[in-house]
Amino acid sequence: MPTAVSAHYDQQTERVIIALSSGLEIAFKPHDVPCLVCAAPSQLARMELSPSGLEIHFPDLDKKFSLSALLEGFLGSWQWTAAHMGKVGGASTSIRKTNAARANGRLGGRPRKVQPAQKA
């Protein structure tokens, strides 16, 4: 498995850039990472690599993540990734999506939520 050999925050592109021992570079926007969402550029500018090159640590935020999590997917739990992808997909619009929503509406749409009976 490749290890991180350097990492820095590029303020111009607003991306964290990690160089791997394999020669590959990985870049991502901090707002796409759960533990870095609210980080200021000054906090992102200071990051450290573990001696093994398998973890990236942001001391000003007291946050770290493993390189394997980055390479496996999207720097977060599968729940967060699924929610993020659903949000992106739900925001998309197309004629096909509009027609499907209309057809679903003609069939009665989504079932109404049943309100629990209130106690007297």
N, C-alpha and C. Protein backbone atom coordinates (compact mmCIF):
# COMPACT_ATOMS: atom_id res chain seq x y z
N MET A 1 0.85 -1.18 0.00
CA MET A 1 0.00 0.00 0.00
C MET A 1 0.89 1.23 0.00
N PRO A 2 0.55 2.23 -0.83
CA PRO A 2 1.35 3.45 -0.84
C PRO A 2 1.19 4.23 0.46
N THR A 3 2.19 5.01 0.77
CA THR A 3 2.14 5.86 1.96
C THR A 3 2.24 7.32 1.54
N ALA A 4 1.81 8.22 2.41
CA ALA A 4 1.89 9.65 2.13
C ALA A 4 3.33 10.11 2.37
N VAL A 5 3.87 10.86 1.42
CA VAL A 5 5.22 11.40 1.58
C VAL A 5 5.20 12.90 1.83
N SER A 6 4.11 13.58 1.44
CA SER A 6 3.95 15.00 1.75
C SER A 6 2.48 15.36 1.66
N ALA A 7 2.12 16.45 2.32
CA ALA A 7 0.75 16.93 2.29
C ALA A 7 0.76 18.42 2.56
N HIS A 8 -0.11 19.15 1.87
CA HIS A 8 -0.23 20.58 2.11
C HIS A 8 -1.61 21.07 1.68
N TYR A 9 -1.96 22.26 2.16
CA TYR A 9 -3.22 22.89 1.78
C TYR A 9 -2.91 23.99 0.78
N ASP A 10 -3.53 23.94 -0.39
CA ASP A 10 -3.35 24.95 -1.42
C ASP A 10 -4.51 25.95 -1.32
N GLN A 11 -4.22 27.16 -0.82
CA GLN A 11 -5.28 28.14 -0.62
C GLN A 11 -5.87 28.63 -1.93
N GLN A 12 -5.09 28.64 -2.98
CA GLN A 12 -5.58 29.13 -4.27
C GLN A 12 -6.69 28.23 -4.82
N THR A 13 -6.49 26.93 -4.75
CA THR A 13 -7.50 26.00 -5.25
C THR A 13 -8.42 25.49 -4.14
N GLU A 14 -8.11 25.85 -2.89
CA GLU A 14 -8.87 25.41 -1.71
C GLU A 14 -8.95 23.90 -1.64
N ARG A 15 -7.79 23.27 -1.78
CA ARG A 15 -7.72 21.80 -1.74
C ARG A 15 -6.57 21.33 -0.86
N VAL A 16 -6.78 20.20 -0.21
CA VAL A 16 -5.71 19.49 0.48
C VAL A 16 -5.09 18.57 -0.56
N ILE A 17 -3.77 18.61 -0.67
CA ILE A 17 -3.08 17.79 -1.66
C ILE A 17 -2.12 16.86 -0.94
N ILE A 18 -2.24 15.57 -1.21
CA ILE A 18 -1.40 14.56 -0.58
C ILE A 18 -0.63 13.82 -1.67
N ALA A 19 0.70 13.81 -1.56
CA ALA A 19 1.55 13.07 -2.49
C ALA A 19 1.84 11.71 -1.89
N LEU A 20 1.67 10.66 -2.69
CA LEU A 20 1.89 9.30 -2.23
C LEU A 20 3.23 8.76 -2.73
N SER A 21 3.72 7.75 -2.05
CA SER A 21 4.99 7.14 -2.42
C SER A 21 4.94 6.49 -3.81
N SER A 22 3.76 6.22 -4.30
CA SER A 22 3.60 5.62 -5.63
C SER A 22 3.72 6.66 -6.75
N GLY A 23 3.77 7.95 -6.37
CA GLY A 23 3.82 9.01 -7.37
C GLY A 23 2.46 9.63 -7.62
N LEU A 24 1.41 9.01 -7.10
CA LEU A 24 0.05 9.53 -7.25
C LEU A 24 -0.16 10.69 -6.29
N GLU A 25 -0.89 11.72 -6.72
CA GLU A 25 -1.30 12.81 -5.84
C GLU A 25 -2.81 12.79 -5.71
N ILE A 26 -3.28 13.01 -4.50
CA ILE A 26 -4.71 13.03 -4.22
C ILE A 26 -5.04 14.44 -3.75
N ALA A 27 -6.08 15.04 -4.31
CA ALA A 27 -6.51 16.37 -3.90
C ALA A 27 -8.01 16.33 -3.61
N PHE A 28 -8.42 17.03 -2.56
CA PHE A 28 -9.84 17.08 -2.23
C PHE A 28 -10.16 18.39 -1.54
N LYS A 29 -11.40 18.80 -1.62
CA LYS A 29 -11.87 20.01 -0.94
C LYS A 29 -12.22 19.64 0.50
N PRO A 30 -11.75 20.41 1.47
CA PRO A 30 -12.01 20.09 2.88
C PRO A 30 -13.50 20.00 3.23
N HIS A 31 -14.36 20.77 2.56
CA HIS A 31 -15.78 20.72 2.92
C HIS A 31 -16.42 19.39 2.54
N ASP A 32 -15.70 18.54 1.81
CA ASP A 32 -16.22 17.22 1.46
C ASP A 32 -15.82 16.16 2.48
N VAL A 33 -15.13 16.56 3.53
CA VAL A 33 -14.64 15.62 4.53
C VAL A 33 -15.30 15.95 5.88
N PRO A 34 -15.98 14.99 6.49
CA PRO A 34 -16.72 15.27 7.72
C PRO A 34 -15.91 15.99 8.80
N CYS A 35 -14.69 15.57 9.05
CA CYS A 35 -13.93 16.17 10.15
C CYS A 35 -13.28 17.50 9.78
N LEU A 36 -13.39 17.94 8.52
CA LEU A 36 -12.76 19.19 8.10
C LEU A 36 -13.77 20.22 7.60
N VAL A 37 -15.04 19.94 7.70
CA VAL A 37 -16.08 20.80 7.15
C VAL A 37 -15.97 22.25 7.62
N CYS A 38 -15.77 22.47 8.90
CA CYS A 38 -15.76 23.82 9.46
C CYS A 38 -14.36 24.39 9.65
N ALA A 39 -13.36 23.77 9.07
CA ALA A 39 -11.97 24.21 9.29
C ALA A 39 -11.66 25.49 8.51
N ALA A 40 -10.91 26.37 9.16
CA ALA A 40 -10.44 27.60 8.52
C ALA A 40 -9.16 27.29 7.74
N PRO A 41 -8.87 28.09 6.71
CA PRO A 41 -7.64 27.86 5.94
C PRO A 41 -6.38 27.82 6.81
N SER A 42 -6.32 28.66 7.83
CA SER A 42 -5.14 28.66 8.70
C SER A 42 -5.00 27.34 9.46
N GLN A 43 -6.12 26.71 9.79
CA GLN A 43 -6.09 25.42 10.48
C GLN A 43 -5.70 24.30 9.52
N LEU A 44 -6.09 24.44 8.28
CA LEU A 44 -5.77 23.42 7.28
C LEU A 44 -4.31 23.51 6.84
N ALA A 45 -3.74 24.70 6.92
CA ALA A 45 -2.36 24.90 6.47
C ALA A 45 -1.37 24.11 7.31
N ARG A 46 -1.75 23.81 8.53
CA ARG A 46 -0.85 23.08 9.42
C ARG A 46 -1.31 21.63 9.53
N MET A 47 -0.62 20.75 8.84
CA MET A 47 -0.94 19.33 8.92
C MET A 47 0.35 18.54 9.03
N GLU A 48 0.24 17.37 9.63
CA GLU A 48 1.41 16.52 9.86
C GLU A 48 1.10 15.12 9.37
N LEU A 49 2.14 14.46 8.90
CA LEU A 49 2.02 13.05 8.53
C LEU A 49 2.56 12.21 9.66
N SER A 50 1.96 11.06 9.88
CA SER A 50 2.50 10.13 10.88
C SER A 50 3.82 9.58 10.35
N PRO A 51 4.70 9.10 11.24
CA PRO A 51 5.97 8.55 10.78
C PRO A 51 5.81 7.43 9.75
N SER A 52 4.71 6.68 9.86
CA SER A 52 4.48 5.58 8.91
C SER A 52 3.95 6.09 7.57
N GLY A 53 3.45 7.35 7.54
CA GLY A 53 2.85 7.89 6.32
C GLY A 53 1.45 7.38 6.08
N LEU A 54 0.84 6.78 7.11
CA LEU A 54 -0.49 6.21 6.95
C LEU A 54 -1.60 7.07 7.55
N GLU A 55 -1.23 8.16 8.23
CA GLU A 55 -2.23 9.05 8.83
C GLU A 55 -1.86 10.51 8.57
N ILE A 56 -2.89 11.34 8.42
CA ILE A 56 -2.71 12.78 8.29
C ILE A 56 -3.38 13.41 9.50
N HIS A 57 -2.65 14.28 10.19
CA HIS A 57 -3.13 14.88 11.43
C HIS A 57 -3.19 16.39 11.26
N PHE A 58 -4.29 16.99 11.72
CA PHE A 58 -4.47 18.43 11.73
C PHE A 58 -4.46 18.87 13.20
N PRO A 59 -3.28 19.24 13.73
CA PRO A 59 -3.16 19.53 15.17
C PRO A 59 -4.05 20.67 15.64
N ASP A 60 -4.23 21.71 14.83
CA ASP A 60 -5.07 22.84 15.26
C ASP A 60 -6.53 22.45 15.40
N LEU A 61 -6.93 21.38 14.75
CA LEU A 61 -8.31 20.89 14.83
C LEU A 61 -8.44 19.68 15.74
N ASP A 62 -7.31 19.11 16.13
CA ASP A 62 -7.26 17.86 16.87
C ASP A 62 -8.03 16.77 16.12
N LYS A 63 -7.80 16.70 14.81
CA LYS A 63 -8.45 15.70 13.96
C LYS A 63 -7.40 14.98 13.13
N LYS A 64 -7.66 13.71 12.87
CA LYS A 64 -6.79 12.96 11.97
C LYS A 64 -7.61 11.92 11.23
N PHE A 65 -7.10 11.53 10.08
CA PHE A 65 -7.74 10.46 9.33
C PHE A 65 -6.68 9.58 8.72
N SER A 66 -7.07 8.37 8.42
CA SER A 66 -6.11 7.42 7.86
C SER A 66 -6.09 7.50 6.35
N LEU A 67 -4.95 7.25 5.80
CA LEU A 67 -4.79 7.23 4.35
C LEU A 67 -5.65 6.12 3.75
N SER A 68 -5.79 5.00 4.46
CA SER A 68 -6.60 3.90 3.93
C SER A 68 -8.06 4.33 3.76
N ALA A 69 -8.57 5.16 4.70
CA ALA A 69 -9.95 5.65 4.56
C ALA A 69 -10.08 6.50 3.30
N LEU A 70 -9.05 7.29 3.03
CA LEU A 70 -9.05 8.12 1.83
C LEU A 70 -9.06 7.25 0.57
N LEU A 71 -8.19 6.27 0.55
CA LEU A 71 -8.08 5.42 -0.64
C LEU A 71 -9.29 4.50 -0.82
N GLU A 72 -9.96 4.15 0.27
CA GLU A 72 -11.12 3.28 0.18
C GLU A 72 -12.34 4.00 -0.36
N GLY A 73 -12.41 5.28 -0.16
CA GLY A 73 -13.62 5.94 -0.62
C GLY A 73 -13.61 7.43 -0.48
N PHE A 74 -14.10 7.90 0.65
CA PHE A 74 -14.32 9.33 0.72
C PHE A 74 -14.07 9.92 2.09
N LEU A 75 -13.08 9.48 2.77
CA LEU A 75 -12.65 10.06 4.03
C LEU A 75 -13.69 10.06 5.13
N GLY A 76 -14.70 9.32 5.03
CA GLY A 76 -15.71 9.31 6.07
C GLY A 76 -16.39 7.97 6.16
N SER A 77 -17.34 7.91 7.04
CA SER A 77 -18.09 6.67 7.21
C SER A 77 -18.96 6.44 5.98
N TRP A 78 -19.36 5.22 5.78
CA TRP A 78 -20.20 4.92 4.64
C TRP A 78 -21.55 5.60 4.80
N GLN A 79 -22.00 5.83 6.05
CA GLN A 79 -23.27 6.51 6.26
C GLN A 79 -23.19 7.95 5.76
N TRP A 80 -22.07 8.64 6.11
CA TRP A 80 -21.92 10.03 5.68
C TRP A 80 -21.81 10.09 4.16
N THR A 81 -21.04 9.18 3.58
CA THR A 81 -20.87 9.16 2.14
C THR A 81 -22.22 8.92 1.45
N ALA A 82 -23.00 7.98 1.96
CA ALA A 82 -24.31 7.69 1.38
C ALA A 82 -25.22 8.92 1.48
N ALA A 83 -25.21 9.59 2.62
CA ALA A 83 -26.05 10.78 2.80
C ALA A 83 -25.60 11.89 1.84
N HIS A 84 -24.30 12.06 1.71
CA HIS A 84 -23.77 13.10 0.82
C HIS A 84 -24.13 12.80 -0.63
N MET A 85 -23.99 11.56 -1.04
CA MET A 85 -24.31 11.19 -2.41
C MET A 85 -25.81 11.33 -2.67
N GLY A 86 -26.64 11.00 -1.68
CA GLY A 86 -28.08 11.16 -1.83
C GLY A 86 -28.47 12.61 -1.96
N LYS A 87 -27.79 13.46 -1.22
CA LYS A 87 -28.05 14.90 -1.29
C LYS A 87 -27.71 15.43 -2.68
N VAL A 88 -26.57 15.02 -3.20
CA VAL A 88 -26.15 15.44 -4.54
C VAL A 88 -27.12 14.92 -5.59
N GLY A 89 -27.48 13.65 -5.49
CA GLY A 89 -28.40 13.06 -6.46
C GLY A 89 -29.78 13.67 -6.38
N GLY A 90 -30.24 13.95 -5.17
CA GLY A 90 -31.56 14.53 -4.99
C GLY A 90 -31.66 15.95 -5.53
N ALA A 91 -30.53 16.64 -5.60
CA ALA A 91 -30.53 18.02 -6.09
C ALA A 91 -30.51 18.09 -7.61
N SER A 92 -30.24 16.98 -8.25
CA SER A 92 -30.17 17.00 -9.72
C SER A 92 -31.57 17.10 -10.32
N THR A 93 -31.64 17.74 -11.49
CA THR A 93 -32.92 17.87 -12.17
C THR A 93 -32.76 17.43 -13.62
N SER A 94 -33.82 16.87 -14.14
CA SER A 94 -33.83 16.48 -15.56
C SER A 94 -35.28 16.30 -15.98
N ILE A 95 -35.49 16.30 -17.25
CA ILE A 95 -36.84 16.06 -17.78
C ILE A 95 -37.30 14.67 -17.38
N ARG A 96 -36.40 13.71 -17.43
CA ARG A 96 -36.74 12.33 -17.09
C ARG A 96 -37.18 12.23 -15.62
N LYS A 97 -36.45 12.92 -14.72
CA LYS A 97 -36.80 12.90 -13.30
C LYS A 97 -38.15 13.58 -13.07
N THR A 98 -38.40 14.69 -13.76
CA THR A 98 -39.67 15.39 -13.65
C THR A 98 -40.83 14.51 -14.11
N ASN A 99 -40.65 13.85 -15.25
CA ASN A 99 -41.70 12.96 -15.76
C ASN A 99 -41.96 11.79 -14.81
N ALA A 100 -40.91 11.24 -14.22
CA ALA A 100 -41.07 10.14 -13.28
C ALA A 100 -41.83 10.60 -12.04
N ALA A 101 -41.54 11.81 -11.55
CA ALA A 101 -42.23 12.34 -10.38
C ALA A 101 -43.71 12.56 -10.69
N ARG A 102 -44.01 13.06 -11.88
CA ARG A 102 -45.42 13.26 -12.28
C ARG A 102 -46.16 11.93 -12.38
N ALA A 103 -45.50 10.94 -12.98
CA ALA A 103 -46.13 9.61 -13.11
C ALA A 103 -46.39 9.02 -11.72
N ASN A 104 -45.45 9.20 -10.81
CA ASN A 104 -45.63 8.70 -9.45
C ASN A 104 -46.79 9.42 -8.76
N GLY A 105 -46.92 10.71 -9.03
CA GLY A 105 -48.02 11.48 -8.45
C GLY A 105 -49.37 11.00 -8.93
N ARG A 106 -49.44 10.62 -10.19
CA ARG A 106 -50.70 10.09 -10.74
C ARG A 106 -51.08 8.76 -10.09
N LEU A 107 -50.09 8.05 -9.60
CA LEU A 107 -50.35 6.77 -8.92
C LEU A 107 -50.68 6.97 -7.45
N GLY A 108 -50.69 8.20 -7.00
CA GLY A 108 -51.01 8.47 -5.61
C GLY A 108 -49.82 9.02 -4.83
N GLY A 109 -48.67 9.03 -5.43
CA GLY A 109 -47.49 9.61 -4.77
C GLY A 109 -47.02 8.78 -3.59
N ARG A 110 -46.26 9.43 -2.75
CA ARG A 110 -45.76 8.74 -1.56
C ARG A 110 -46.88 8.51 -0.57
N PRO A 111 -46.81 7.41 0.14
CA PRO A 111 -47.82 7.18 1.19
C PRO A 111 -47.72 8.28 2.25
N ARG A 112 -48.84 8.72 2.72
CA ARG A 112 -48.85 9.76 3.75
C ARG A 112 -48.35 9.18 5.06
N LYS A 113 -47.66 10.03 5.81
CA LYS A 113 -47.18 9.59 7.12
C LYS A 113 -48.37 9.52 8.06
N VAL A 114 -48.44 8.44 8.80
CA VAL A 114 -49.52 8.25 9.75
C VAL A 114 -49.11 8.89 11.06
N GLN A 115 -49.97 9.79 11.54
CA GLN A 115 -49.69 10.47 12.80
C GLN A 115 -50.08 9.52 13.94
N PRO A 116 -49.22 9.40 14.95
CA PRO A 116 -49.59 8.54 16.09
C PRO A 116 -50.79 9.14 16.84
N ALA A 117 -51.60 8.25 17.36
CA ALA A 117 -52.79 8.69 18.11
C ALA A 117 -52.34 9.46 19.34
N GLN A 118 -52.99 10.60 19.58
CA GLN A 118 -52.65 11.41 20.74
C GLN A 118 -53.46 10.96 21.93
N LYS A 119 -52.81 10.99 23.10
CA LYS A 119 -53.49 10.59 24.33
C LYS A 119 -54.36 11.73 24.80
N ALA A 120 -55.51 11.40 25.33
CA ALA A 120 -56.44 12.41 25.81
C ALA A 120 -56.13 12.86 27.19
